[in-house]
Amino acid sequence: MKTAFAIVLMIFLSGCGQRERSTTELEMSDAEEQKGVIGRAFEEGAPVIYRFVDESPSPAKRAILPWLTILAWKYDGSDNNGMPPAEVNDHMIALEEAIEAEIVAPEFCEHAISRTGNNLKELIYYINNRDTFTEKLNAALRDHERYPIVITFYEDKEWTEFENTRADFKKEGELKAEV
């Protein structure tokens, strides 16, 4: 699938496929703090928002968290320029908050990338163990309504997907050396 992009990037403080892009706005934060990126791209004419921390993980973290885990939620955003309707977005936020509160933990699960737009939400994590992640996810969501998500696991010991996303946003000097 050929994708054309225009981007707005904003650097913010955070705790925690190749695409063609061009920067339209860039804001910097304190260089000593961990850096996060919110980027807007366009796929097939629809905006897609990306969120990730622009910091390469240590070799130790890569070794501890070798499994790329993608929670994909397809929705109908045809009335909202490819973005989720408000009610669906509220459910997506509830899902993400449950994962952050109950599952994300050092040496077990770390948020890598979120993308929302073009009728798809993806929450992307690197995890230590697939079975334990699934058990913890089911426990965390026990009192929630059922979510229409598909979970896919890939072995990605080098965090290639994450590094490709970082590289995509750095193409043509978008994040520049100041970051």
N, C-alpha and C. Protein backbone atom coordinates (compact mmCIF):
# COMPACT_ATOMS: atom_id res chain seq x y z
N MET A 1 0.84 -1.17 0.00
CA MET A 1 0.00 0.00 0.00
C MET A 1 0.89 1.24 0.00
N LYS A 2 0.71 2.11 -0.96
CA LYS A 2 1.45 3.36 -1.07
C LYS A 2 0.79 4.38 -0.17
N THR A 3 1.57 5.04 0.69
CA THR A 3 1.04 5.98 1.64
C THR A 3 1.75 7.31 1.49
N ALA A 4 0.99 8.38 1.40
CA ALA A 4 1.57 9.73 1.34
C ALA A 4 1.30 10.41 2.67
N PHE A 5 2.27 11.17 3.17
CA PHE A 5 2.16 11.77 4.49
C PHE A 5 2.53 13.23 4.50
N ALA A 6 1.84 13.96 5.33
CA ALA A 6 2.27 15.27 5.81
C ALA A 6 2.18 15.16 7.32
N ILE A 7 3.08 15.81 8.04
CA ILE A 7 3.16 15.57 9.48
C ILE A 7 3.18 16.85 10.28
N VAL A 8 2.62 16.77 11.46
CA VAL A 8 2.82 17.78 12.48
C VAL A 8 3.43 17.04 13.65
N LEU A 9 4.58 17.49 14.12
CA LEU A 9 5.24 16.85 15.25
C LEU A 9 5.24 17.79 16.44
N MET A 10 5.04 17.23 17.62
CA MET A 10 5.17 18.00 18.84
C MET A 10 5.93 17.13 19.82
N ILE A 11 6.99 17.65 20.40
CA ILE A 11 7.74 16.92 21.40
C ILE A 11 7.09 17.21 22.75
N PHE A 12 6.89 16.17 23.56
CA PHE A 12 6.29 16.35 24.87
C PHE A 12 7.02 15.49 25.87
N LEU A 13 6.85 15.77 27.15
CA LEU A 13 7.47 14.96 28.19
C LEU A 13 6.62 13.73 28.41
N SER A 14 7.26 12.60 28.59
CA SER A 14 6.51 11.36 28.74
C SER A 14 7.26 10.44 29.68
N GLY A 15 6.52 9.68 30.47
CA GLY A 15 7.13 8.68 31.33
C GLY A 15 7.30 7.37 30.61
N CYS A 16 6.73 7.27 30.25
CA CYS A 16 6.94 6.02 29.63
C CYS A 16 8.04 6.01 28.50
N GLY A 17 6.43 -0.21 8.79
CA GLY A 17 6.22 0.05 7.45
C GLY A 17 6.83 1.37 6.96
N GLN A 18 7.54 1.60 6.41
CA GLN A 18 8.12 2.81 5.89
C GLN A 18 7.03 3.74 5.37
N ARG A 19 7.13 5.01 5.74
CA ARG A 19 6.15 5.98 5.30
C ARG A 19 6.86 7.26 4.93
N GLU A 20 6.40 7.91 3.93
CA GLU A 20 6.96 9.16 3.46
C GLU A 20 6.31 10.30 4.23
N ARG A 21 7.10 11.20 4.82
CA ARG A 21 6.55 12.23 5.68
C ARG A 21 7.28 13.55 5.47
N SER A 22 6.61 14.65 5.78
CA SER A 22 7.27 15.95 5.78
C SER A 22 6.75 16.75 6.96
N THR A 23 7.63 17.49 7.63
CA THR A 23 7.27 18.22 8.82
C THR A 23 6.60 19.54 8.47
N THR A 24 5.53 19.84 9.20
CA THR A 24 4.91 21.15 9.04
C THR A 24 5.04 21.98 10.31
N GLU A 25 5.29 21.35 11.45
CA GLU A 25 5.45 22.08 12.71
C GLU A 25 6.26 21.23 13.66
N LEU A 26 7.15 21.86 14.43
CA LEU A 26 7.98 21.13 15.38
C LEU A 26 8.15 21.99 16.61
N GLU A 27 7.89 21.41 17.78
CA GLU A 27 8.07 22.12 19.04
C GLU A 27 8.97 21.27 19.91
N MET A 28 9.92 21.88 20.59
CA MET A 28 10.91 21.15 21.37
C MET A 28 10.61 21.25 22.87
N SER A 29 11.02 20.23 23.63
CA SER A 29 10.95 20.26 25.08
C SER A 29 12.37 20.23 25.63
N ASP A 30 12.49 20.22 26.94
CA ASP A 30 13.78 20.18 27.62
C ASP A 30 14.57 18.96 27.14
N ALA A 31 15.77 19.21 26.62
CA ALA A 31 16.58 18.14 26.02
C ALA A 31 17.01 17.09 27.04
N GLU A 32 17.00 17.41 28.34
CA GLU A 32 17.42 16.45 29.35
C GLU A 32 16.31 15.46 29.70
N GLU A 33 15.07 15.75 29.33
CA GLU A 33 13.94 14.89 29.66
C GLU A 33 13.75 13.85 28.56
N GLN A 34 13.06 12.75 28.92
CA GLN A 34 12.69 11.76 27.92
C GLN A 34 11.80 12.44 26.88
N LYS A 35 11.94 12.09 25.62
CA LYS A 35 11.20 12.77 24.56
C LYS A 35 10.10 11.87 24.01
N GLY A 36 8.97 12.48 23.82
CA GLY A 36 7.86 11.79 23.18
C GLY A 36 7.51 12.55 21.92
N VAL A 37 6.91 11.86 20.99
CA VAL A 37 6.52 12.48 19.73
C VAL A 37 5.04 12.21 19.52
N ILE A 38 4.34 13.26 19.14
CA ILE A 38 3.00 13.10 18.60
C ILE A 38 3.12 13.55 17.16
N GLY A 39 2.84 12.66 16.25
CA GLY A 39 2.97 12.98 14.83
C GLY A 39 1.66 12.76 14.11
N ARG A 40 1.38 13.64 13.18
CA ARG A 40 0.19 13.46 12.35
C ARG A 40 0.66 13.18 10.94
N ALA A 41 0.13 12.12 10.39
CA ALA A 41 0.44 11.72 9.02
C ALA A 41 -0.87 11.55 8.28
N PHE A 42 -0.80 11.37 6.98
CA PHE A 42 -2.00 11.12 6.18
C PHE A 42 -1.82 9.82 5.41
N GLU A 43 -2.78 8.92 5.55
CA GLU A 43 -2.81 7.67 4.81
C GLU A 43 -4.08 7.67 3.98
N GLU A 44 -3.92 7.52 2.69
CA GLU A 44 -5.08 7.50 1.79
C GLU A 44 -5.98 8.71 2.03
N GLY A 45 -5.37 9.85 2.33
CA GLY A 45 -6.10 11.09 2.54
C GLY A 45 -6.67 11.28 3.93
N ALA A 46 -6.56 10.28 4.79
CA ALA A 46 -7.10 10.37 6.15
C ALA A 46 -5.97 10.64 7.14
N PRO A 47 -6.20 11.51 8.13
CA PRO A 47 -5.16 11.77 9.14
C PRO A 47 -4.97 10.56 10.05
N VAL A 48 -3.73 10.34 10.44
CA VAL A 48 -3.38 9.28 11.39
C VAL A 48 -2.45 9.92 12.41
N ILE A 49 -2.79 9.75 13.69
CA ILE A 49 -1.99 10.31 14.77
C ILE A 49 -1.14 9.20 15.38
N TYR A 50 0.16 9.47 15.50
CA TYR A 50 1.11 8.54 16.11
C TYR A 50 1.59 9.13 17.43
N ARG A 51 1.83 8.26 18.40
CA ARG A 51 2.41 8.69 19.67
C ARG A 51 3.45 7.65 20.07
N PHE A 52 4.66 8.13 20.40
CA PHE A 52 5.72 7.24 20.86
C PHE A 52 6.81 8.06 21.52
N VAL A 53 7.63 7.41 22.31
CA VAL A 53 8.78 8.06 22.93
C VAL A 53 9.95 7.94 21.97
N ASP A 54 10.58 9.05 21.67
CA ASP A 54 11.69 9.07 20.72
C ASP A 54 13.00 8.80 21.46
N GLU A 55 13.12 7.57 21.93
CA GLU A 55 14.32 7.17 22.65
C GLU A 55 14.54 5.68 22.40
N SER A 56 15.71 5.36 21.92
CA SER A 56 16.03 3.97 21.62
C SER A 56 16.17 3.19 22.93
N PRO A 57 15.57 2.01 23.01
CA PRO A 57 15.70 1.21 24.23
C PRO A 57 17.11 0.65 24.38
N SER A 58 17.48 0.42 25.62
CA SER A 58 18.80 -0.16 25.89
C SER A 58 18.84 -1.61 25.40
N PRO A 59 20.03 -2.14 25.16
CA PRO A 59 20.13 -3.56 24.80
C PRO A 59 19.50 -4.47 25.86
N ALA A 60 19.63 -4.10 27.12
CA ALA A 60 19.03 -4.91 28.19
C ALA A 60 17.51 -4.92 28.08
N LYS A 61 16.91 -3.77 27.79
CA LYS A 61 15.45 -3.70 27.66
C LYS A 61 15.00 -4.51 26.44
N ARG A 62 15.74 -4.43 25.35
CA ARG A 62 15.39 -5.21 24.16
C ARG A 62 15.42 -6.71 24.49
N ALA A 63 16.40 -7.13 25.26
CA ALA A 63 16.53 -8.55 25.61
C ALA A 63 15.39 -9.00 26.52
N ILE A 64 14.96 -8.14 27.42
CA ILE A 64 13.90 -8.49 28.37
C ILE A 64 12.52 -8.48 27.71
N LEU A 65 12.32 -7.61 26.71
CA LEU A 65 11.00 -7.43 26.08
C LEU A 65 11.09 -7.73 24.58
N PRO A 66 11.17 -9.01 24.20
CA PRO A 66 11.39 -9.35 22.79
C PRO A 66 10.14 -9.47 21.93
N TRP A 67 8.94 -9.39 22.52
CA TRP A 67 7.71 -9.65 21.77
C TRP A 67 6.97 -8.36 21.43
N LEU A 68 6.88 -8.05 20.16
CA LEU A 68 6.06 -6.96 19.66
C LEU A 68 4.61 -7.43 19.74
N THR A 69 3.78 -6.64 20.38
CA THR A 69 2.39 -7.01 20.61
C THR A 69 1.50 -5.89 20.10
N ILE A 70 0.64 -6.20 19.15
CA ILE A 70 -0.22 -5.20 18.53
C ILE A 70 -1.67 -5.53 18.85
N LEU A 71 -2.35 -4.58 19.49
CA LEU A 71 -3.78 -4.67 19.72
C LEU A 71 -4.43 -3.77 18.67
N ALA A 72 -5.12 -4.36 17.71
CA ALA A 72 -5.71 -3.63 16.59
C ALA A 72 -7.22 -3.57 16.74
N TRP A 73 -7.76 -2.39 16.57
CA TRP A 73 -9.19 -2.14 16.70
C TRP A 73 -9.65 -1.41 15.45
N LYS A 74 -10.37 -2.11 14.58
CA LYS A 74 -10.95 -1.48 13.40
C LYS A 74 -12.30 -0.88 13.78
N TYR A 75 -12.57 0.30 13.24
CA TYR A 75 -13.82 1.00 13.54
C TYR A 75 -14.27 1.74 12.30
N ASP A 76 -15.48 2.24 12.33
CA ASP A 76 -16.01 3.03 11.21
C ASP A 76 -15.88 4.50 11.55
N GLY A 77 -14.92 5.14 10.92
CA GLY A 77 -14.71 6.57 11.11
C GLY A 77 -15.11 7.38 9.89
N SER A 78 -15.97 6.81 9.05
CA SER A 78 -16.33 7.47 7.79
C SER A 78 -17.01 8.82 7.99
N ASP A 79 -17.68 9.02 9.12
CA ASP A 79 -18.32 10.30 9.39
C ASP A 79 -17.41 11.26 10.15
N ASN A 80 -16.16 10.83 10.40
CA ASN A 80 -15.25 11.64 11.23
C ASN A 80 -13.85 11.68 10.62
N ASN A 81 -13.77 11.74 9.30
CA ASN A 81 -12.49 11.83 8.60
C ASN A 81 -11.52 10.70 8.97
N GLY A 82 -12.07 9.51 9.21
CA GLY A 82 -11.25 8.34 9.52
C GLY A 82 -10.89 8.20 10.99
N MET A 83 -11.30 9.17 11.81
CA MET A 83 -11.04 9.10 13.25
C MET A 83 -12.22 8.42 13.94
N PRO A 84 -11.98 7.85 15.13
CA PRO A 84 -13.07 7.15 15.81
C PRO A 84 -14.15 8.12 16.29
N PRO A 85 -15.41 7.71 16.22
CA PRO A 85 -16.49 8.51 16.80
C PRO A 85 -16.25 8.66 18.31
N ALA A 86 -16.83 9.67 18.92
CA ALA A 86 -16.58 9.99 20.33
C ALA A 86 -16.82 8.79 21.25
N GLU A 87 -17.92 8.08 21.08
CA GLU A 87 -18.24 6.96 21.96
C GLU A 87 -17.20 5.84 21.81
N VAL A 88 -16.79 5.55 20.59
CA VAL A 88 -15.77 4.53 20.35
C VAL A 88 -14.44 4.99 20.95
N ASN A 89 -14.11 6.26 20.76
CA ASN A 89 -12.87 6.80 21.32
C ASN A 89 -12.85 6.67 22.84
N ASP A 90 -13.99 6.91 23.49
CA ASP A 90 -14.06 6.76 24.95
C ASP A 90 -13.75 5.32 25.36
N HIS A 91 -14.24 4.35 24.62
CA HIS A 91 -13.95 2.94 24.91
C HIS A 91 -12.47 2.63 24.67
N MET A 92 -11.91 3.23 23.64
CA MET A 92 -10.48 3.04 23.36
C MET A 92 -9.63 3.58 24.49
N ILE A 93 -10.01 4.74 25.00
CA ILE A 93 -9.28 5.33 26.12
C ILE A 93 -9.38 4.43 27.35
N ALA A 94 -10.57 3.88 27.61
CA ALA A 94 -10.75 2.97 28.75
C ALA A 94 -9.85 1.74 28.61
N LEU A 95 -9.75 1.20 27.41
CA LEU A 95 -8.87 0.06 27.16
C LEU A 95 -7.42 0.43 27.44
N GLU A 96 -6.98 1.54 26.87
CA GLU A 96 -5.60 1.95 27.04
C GLU A 96 -5.28 2.25 28.51
N GLU A 97 -6.19 2.89 29.22
CA GLU A 97 -5.97 3.19 30.64
C GLU A 97 -5.88 1.91 31.47
N ALA A 98 -6.70 0.91 31.15
CA ALA A 98 -6.64 -0.36 31.87
C ALA A 98 -5.29 -1.05 31.64
N ILE A 99 -4.82 -1.02 30.43
CA ILE A 99 -3.52 -1.63 30.12
C ILE A 99 -2.42 -0.90 30.86
N GLU A 100 -2.44 0.44 30.82
CA GLU A 100 -1.41 1.22 31.50
C GLU A 100 -1.42 0.97 33.00
N ALA A 101 -2.60 0.88 33.60
CA ALA A 101 -2.72 0.72 35.04
C ALA A 101 -2.42 -0.70 35.51
N GLU A 102 -2.79 -1.70 34.72
CA GLU A 102 -2.73 -3.08 35.19
C GLU A 102 -1.64 -3.95 34.58
N ILE A 103 -1.10 -3.53 33.43
CA ILE A 103 -0.20 -4.44 32.72
C ILE A 103 1.19 -3.84 32.48
N VAL A 104 1.24 -2.59 32.08
CA VAL A 104 2.54 -1.97 31.80
C VAL A 104 3.36 -1.95 33.08
N ALA A 105 4.56 -2.51 33.01
CA ALA A 105 5.46 -2.59 34.16
C ALA A 105 6.88 -2.82 33.66
N PRO A 106 7.86 -2.25 34.36
CA PRO A 106 9.25 -2.48 33.96
C PRO A 106 9.53 -3.98 33.87
N GLU A 107 10.28 -4.34 32.90
CA GLU A 107 10.71 -5.72 32.66
C GLU A 107 9.57 -6.67 32.29
N PHE A 108 8.35 -6.13 32.06
CA PHE A 108 7.27 -7.00 31.60
C PHE A 108 6.58 -6.46 30.35
N CYS A 109 6.21 -5.18 30.35
CA CYS A 109 5.44 -4.62 29.24
C CYS A 109 5.71 -3.14 29.15
N GLU A 110 6.02 -2.67 27.94
CA GLU A 110 6.26 -1.24 27.73
C GLU A 110 5.53 -0.77 26.48
N HIS A 111 4.86 0.37 26.62
CA HIS A 111 4.20 0.99 25.47
C HIS A 111 5.27 1.39 24.46
N ALA A 112 5.03 1.13 23.19
CA ALA A 112 5.97 1.53 22.14
C ALA A 112 5.34 2.59 21.24
N ILE A 113 4.19 2.29 20.65
CA ILE A 113 3.57 3.18 19.66
C ILE A 113 2.06 3.08 19.79
N SER A 114 1.40 4.21 19.62
CA SER A 114 -0.04 4.23 19.42
C SER A 114 -0.29 4.92 18.09
N ARG A 115 -1.23 4.41 17.34
CA ARG A 115 -1.63 5.07 16.10
C ARG A 115 -3.14 5.03 16.03
N THR A 116 -3.71 6.17 15.63
CA THR A 116 -5.16 6.27 15.52
C THR A 116 -5.48 7.04 14.25
N GLY A 117 -6.31 6.44 13.41
CA GLY A 117 -6.76 7.12 12.21
C GLY A 117 -6.92 6.15 11.06
N ASN A 118 -7.59 6.64 10.01
CA ASN A 118 -7.85 5.83 8.83
C ASN A 118 -8.57 4.53 9.22
N ASN A 119 -9.51 4.67 10.18
CA ASN A 119 -10.38 3.57 10.62
C ASN A 119 -9.67 2.46 11.38
N LEU A 120 -8.53 2.77 11.99
CA LEU A 120 -7.78 1.77 12.74
C LEU A 120 -7.07 2.40 13.92
N LYS A 121 -7.23 1.77 15.09
CA LYS A 121 -6.46 2.11 16.29
C LYS A 121 -5.54 0.94 16.57
N GLU A 122 -4.26 1.24 16.78
CA GLU A 122 -3.32 0.21 17.17
C GLU A 122 -2.60 0.66 18.43
N LEU A 123 -2.60 -0.20 19.43
CA LEU A 123 -1.82 -0.02 20.64
C LEU A 123 -0.70 -1.04 20.54
N ILE A 124 0.52 -0.56 20.55
CA ILE A 124 1.67 -1.43 20.29
C ILE A 124 2.59 -1.42 21.50
N TYR A 125 2.88 -2.61 21.98
CA TYR A 125 3.71 -2.78 23.18
C TYR A 125 4.82 -3.79 22.88
N TYR A 126 5.87 -3.71 23.68
CA TYR A 126 6.87 -4.77 23.72
C TYR A 126 6.71 -5.44 25.07
N ILE A 127 6.65 -6.78 25.04
CA ILE A 127 6.37 -7.54 26.25
C ILE A 127 7.40 -8.65 26.46
N ASN A 128 7.36 -9.20 27.67
CA ASN A 128 8.28 -10.26 28.05
C ASN A 128 7.73 -11.64 27.72
N ASN A 129 6.42 -11.85 27.94
CA ASN A 129 5.87 -13.19 27.82
C ASN A 129 4.44 -13.12 27.27
N ARG A 130 4.17 -13.81 26.20
CA ARG A 130 2.85 -13.75 25.55
C ARG A 130 1.74 -14.33 26.43
N ASP A 131 1.97 -15.48 27.04
CA ASP A 131 0.93 -16.10 27.86
C ASP A 131 0.59 -15.24 29.08
N THR A 132 1.61 -14.74 29.75
CA THR A 132 1.37 -13.89 30.92
C THR A 132 0.67 -12.60 30.51
N PHE A 133 1.06 -12.02 29.38
CA PHE A 133 0.39 -10.81 28.90
C PHE A 133 -1.09 -11.08 28.68
N THR A 134 -1.41 -12.17 28.02
CA THR A 134 -2.79 -12.52 27.73
C THR A 134 -3.58 -12.72 29.03
N GLU A 135 -2.98 -13.40 29.99
CA GLU A 135 -3.64 -13.60 31.29
C GLU A 135 -3.89 -12.27 31.99
N LYS A 136 -2.87 -11.41 32.01
CA LYS A 136 -3.01 -10.11 32.67
C LYS A 136 -4.03 -9.22 31.95
N LEU A 137 -4.04 -9.28 30.63
CA LEU A 137 -5.00 -8.49 29.86
C LEU A 137 -6.42 -8.94 30.17
N ASN A 138 -6.65 -10.24 30.16
CA ASN A 138 -7.98 -10.77 30.48
C ASN A 138 -8.41 -10.37 31.89
N ALA A 139 -7.49 -10.44 32.84
CA ALA A 139 -7.81 -10.05 34.22
C ALA A 139 -8.10 -8.56 34.32
N ALA A 140 -7.31 -7.74 33.63
CA ALA A 140 -7.50 -6.29 33.67
C ALA A 140 -8.83 -5.87 33.05
N LEU A 141 -9.29 -6.64 32.07
CA LEU A 141 -10.52 -6.27 31.34
C LEU A 141 -11.74 -7.07 31.79
N ARG A 142 -11.60 -7.83 32.85
CA ARG A 142 -12.68 -8.70 33.32
C ARG A 142 -14.00 -7.95 33.49
N ASP A 143 -13.97 -6.73 34.02
CA ASP A 143 -15.19 -5.98 34.28
C ASP A 143 -15.55 -5.00 33.15
N HIS A 144 -14.85 -5.09 32.03
CA HIS A 144 -15.11 -4.22 30.89
C HIS A 144 -16.04 -4.92 29.90
N GLU A 145 -16.70 -4.11 29.09
CA GLU A 145 -17.41 -4.68 27.95
C GLU A 145 -16.37 -5.29 27.02
N ARG A 146 -16.79 -6.23 26.22
CA ARG A 146 -15.88 -6.88 25.28
C ARG A 146 -15.41 -5.85 24.24
N TYR A 147 -14.10 -5.86 23.96
CA TYR A 147 -13.52 -4.95 22.98
C TYR A 147 -13.33 -5.68 21.65
N PRO A 148 -13.60 -5.02 20.54
CA PRO A 148 -13.43 -5.65 19.22
C PRO A 148 -11.98 -5.54 18.74
N ILE A 149 -11.08 -6.19 19.46
CA ILE A 149 -9.66 -6.09 19.13
C ILE A 149 -9.12 -7.43 18.64
N VAL A 150 -8.07 -7.33 17.86
CA VAL A 150 -7.31 -8.50 17.42
C VAL A 150 -5.90 -8.29 17.96
N ILE A 151 -5.37 -9.31 18.61
CA ILE A 151 -4.03 -9.21 19.19
C ILE A 151 -3.09 -10.08 18.37
N THR A 152 -1.98 -9.48 17.98
CA THR A 152 -0.98 -10.19 17.20
C THR A 152 0.37 -10.05 17.89
N PHE A 153 1.10 -11.15 17.98
CA PHE A 153 2.43 -11.17 18.58
C PHE A 153 3.46 -11.47 17.49
N TYR A 154 4.56 -10.75 17.54
CA TYR A 154 5.69 -11.00 16.64
C TYR A 154 6.95 -10.99 17.48
N GLU A 155 7.85 -11.91 17.21
CA GLU A 155 9.14 -11.84 17.86
C GLU A 155 9.93 -10.72 17.18
N ASP A 156 10.37 -9.75 17.95
CA ASP A 156 11.08 -8.58 17.43
C ASP A 156 12.14 -8.16 18.45
N LYS A 157 13.14 -9.01 18.61
CA LYS A 157 14.17 -8.81 19.62
C LYS A 157 14.96 -7.52 19.43
N GLU A 158 15.02 -7.02 18.22
CA GLU A 158 15.77 -5.80 17.94
C GLU A 158 14.90 -4.55 17.97
N TRP A 159 13.60 -4.72 18.25
CA TRP A 159 12.64 -3.62 18.26
C TRP A 159 12.63 -2.91 16.90
N THR A 160 12.66 -3.69 15.85
CA THR A 160 12.73 -3.17 14.49
C THR A 160 11.52 -2.31 14.13
N GLU A 161 10.33 -2.75 14.48
CA GLU A 161 9.13 -1.97 14.17
C GLU A 161 9.19 -0.60 14.83
N PHE A 162 9.58 -0.55 16.08
CA PHE A 162 9.71 0.71 16.80
C PHE A 162 10.76 1.60 16.15
N GLU A 163 11.92 1.03 15.87
CA GLU A 163 13.00 1.83 15.27
C GLU A 163 12.62 2.32 13.87
N ASN A 164 11.87 1.52 13.12
CA ASN A 164 11.40 1.97 11.80
C ASN A 164 10.47 3.17 11.93
N THR A 165 9.59 3.15 12.93
CA THR A 165 8.69 4.28 13.14
C THR A 165 9.49 5.52 13.51
N ARG A 166 10.44 5.39 14.41
CA ARG A 166 11.31 6.53 14.78
C ARG A 166 12.02 7.06 13.54
N ALA A 167 12.57 6.15 12.73
CA ALA A 167 13.31 6.57 11.53
C ALA A 167 12.39 7.27 10.53
N ASP A 168 11.17 6.78 10.39
CA ASP A 168 10.22 7.42 9.48
C ASP A 168 10.00 8.88 9.86
N PHE A 169 9.90 9.15 11.16
CA PHE A 169 9.66 10.51 11.60
C PHE A 169 10.91 11.37 11.55
N LYS A 170 12.06 10.76 11.41
CA LYS A 170 13.31 11.53 11.33
C LYS A 170 13.75 11.79 9.90
N LYS A 171 13.08 11.17 8.94
CA LYS A 171 13.45 11.35 7.54
C LYS A 171 13.50 12.82 7.18
N GLU A 172 14.46 13.14 6.35
CA GLU A 172 14.61 14.50 5.85
C GLU A 172 14.77 15.50 6.97
N GLY A 173 15.40 15.08 8.08
CA GLY A 173 15.74 16.00 9.16
C GLY A 173 14.57 16.51 9.97
N GLU A 174 13.45 15.78 10.00
CA GLU A 174 12.26 16.28 10.69
C GLU A 174 12.50 16.52 12.17
N LEU A 175 13.20 15.62 12.85
CA LEU A 175 13.44 15.82 14.26
C LEU A 175 14.77 16.52 14.50
N LYS A 176 15.62 16.57 13.51
CA LYS A 176 16.90 17.26 13.51
C LYS A 176 17.79 16.83 14.69
N ALA A 177 18.96 17.34 14.70
CA ALA A 177 19.94 16.96 15.71
C ALA A 177 19.62 17.51 17.09
N GLU A 178 18.78 18.54 17.19
CA GLU A 178 18.47 19.15 18.48
C GLU A 178 17.76 18.19 19.41
N VAL A 179 17.09 17.19 18.86
CA VAL A 179 16.27 16.31 19.69
C VAL A 179 17.12 15.43 20.55
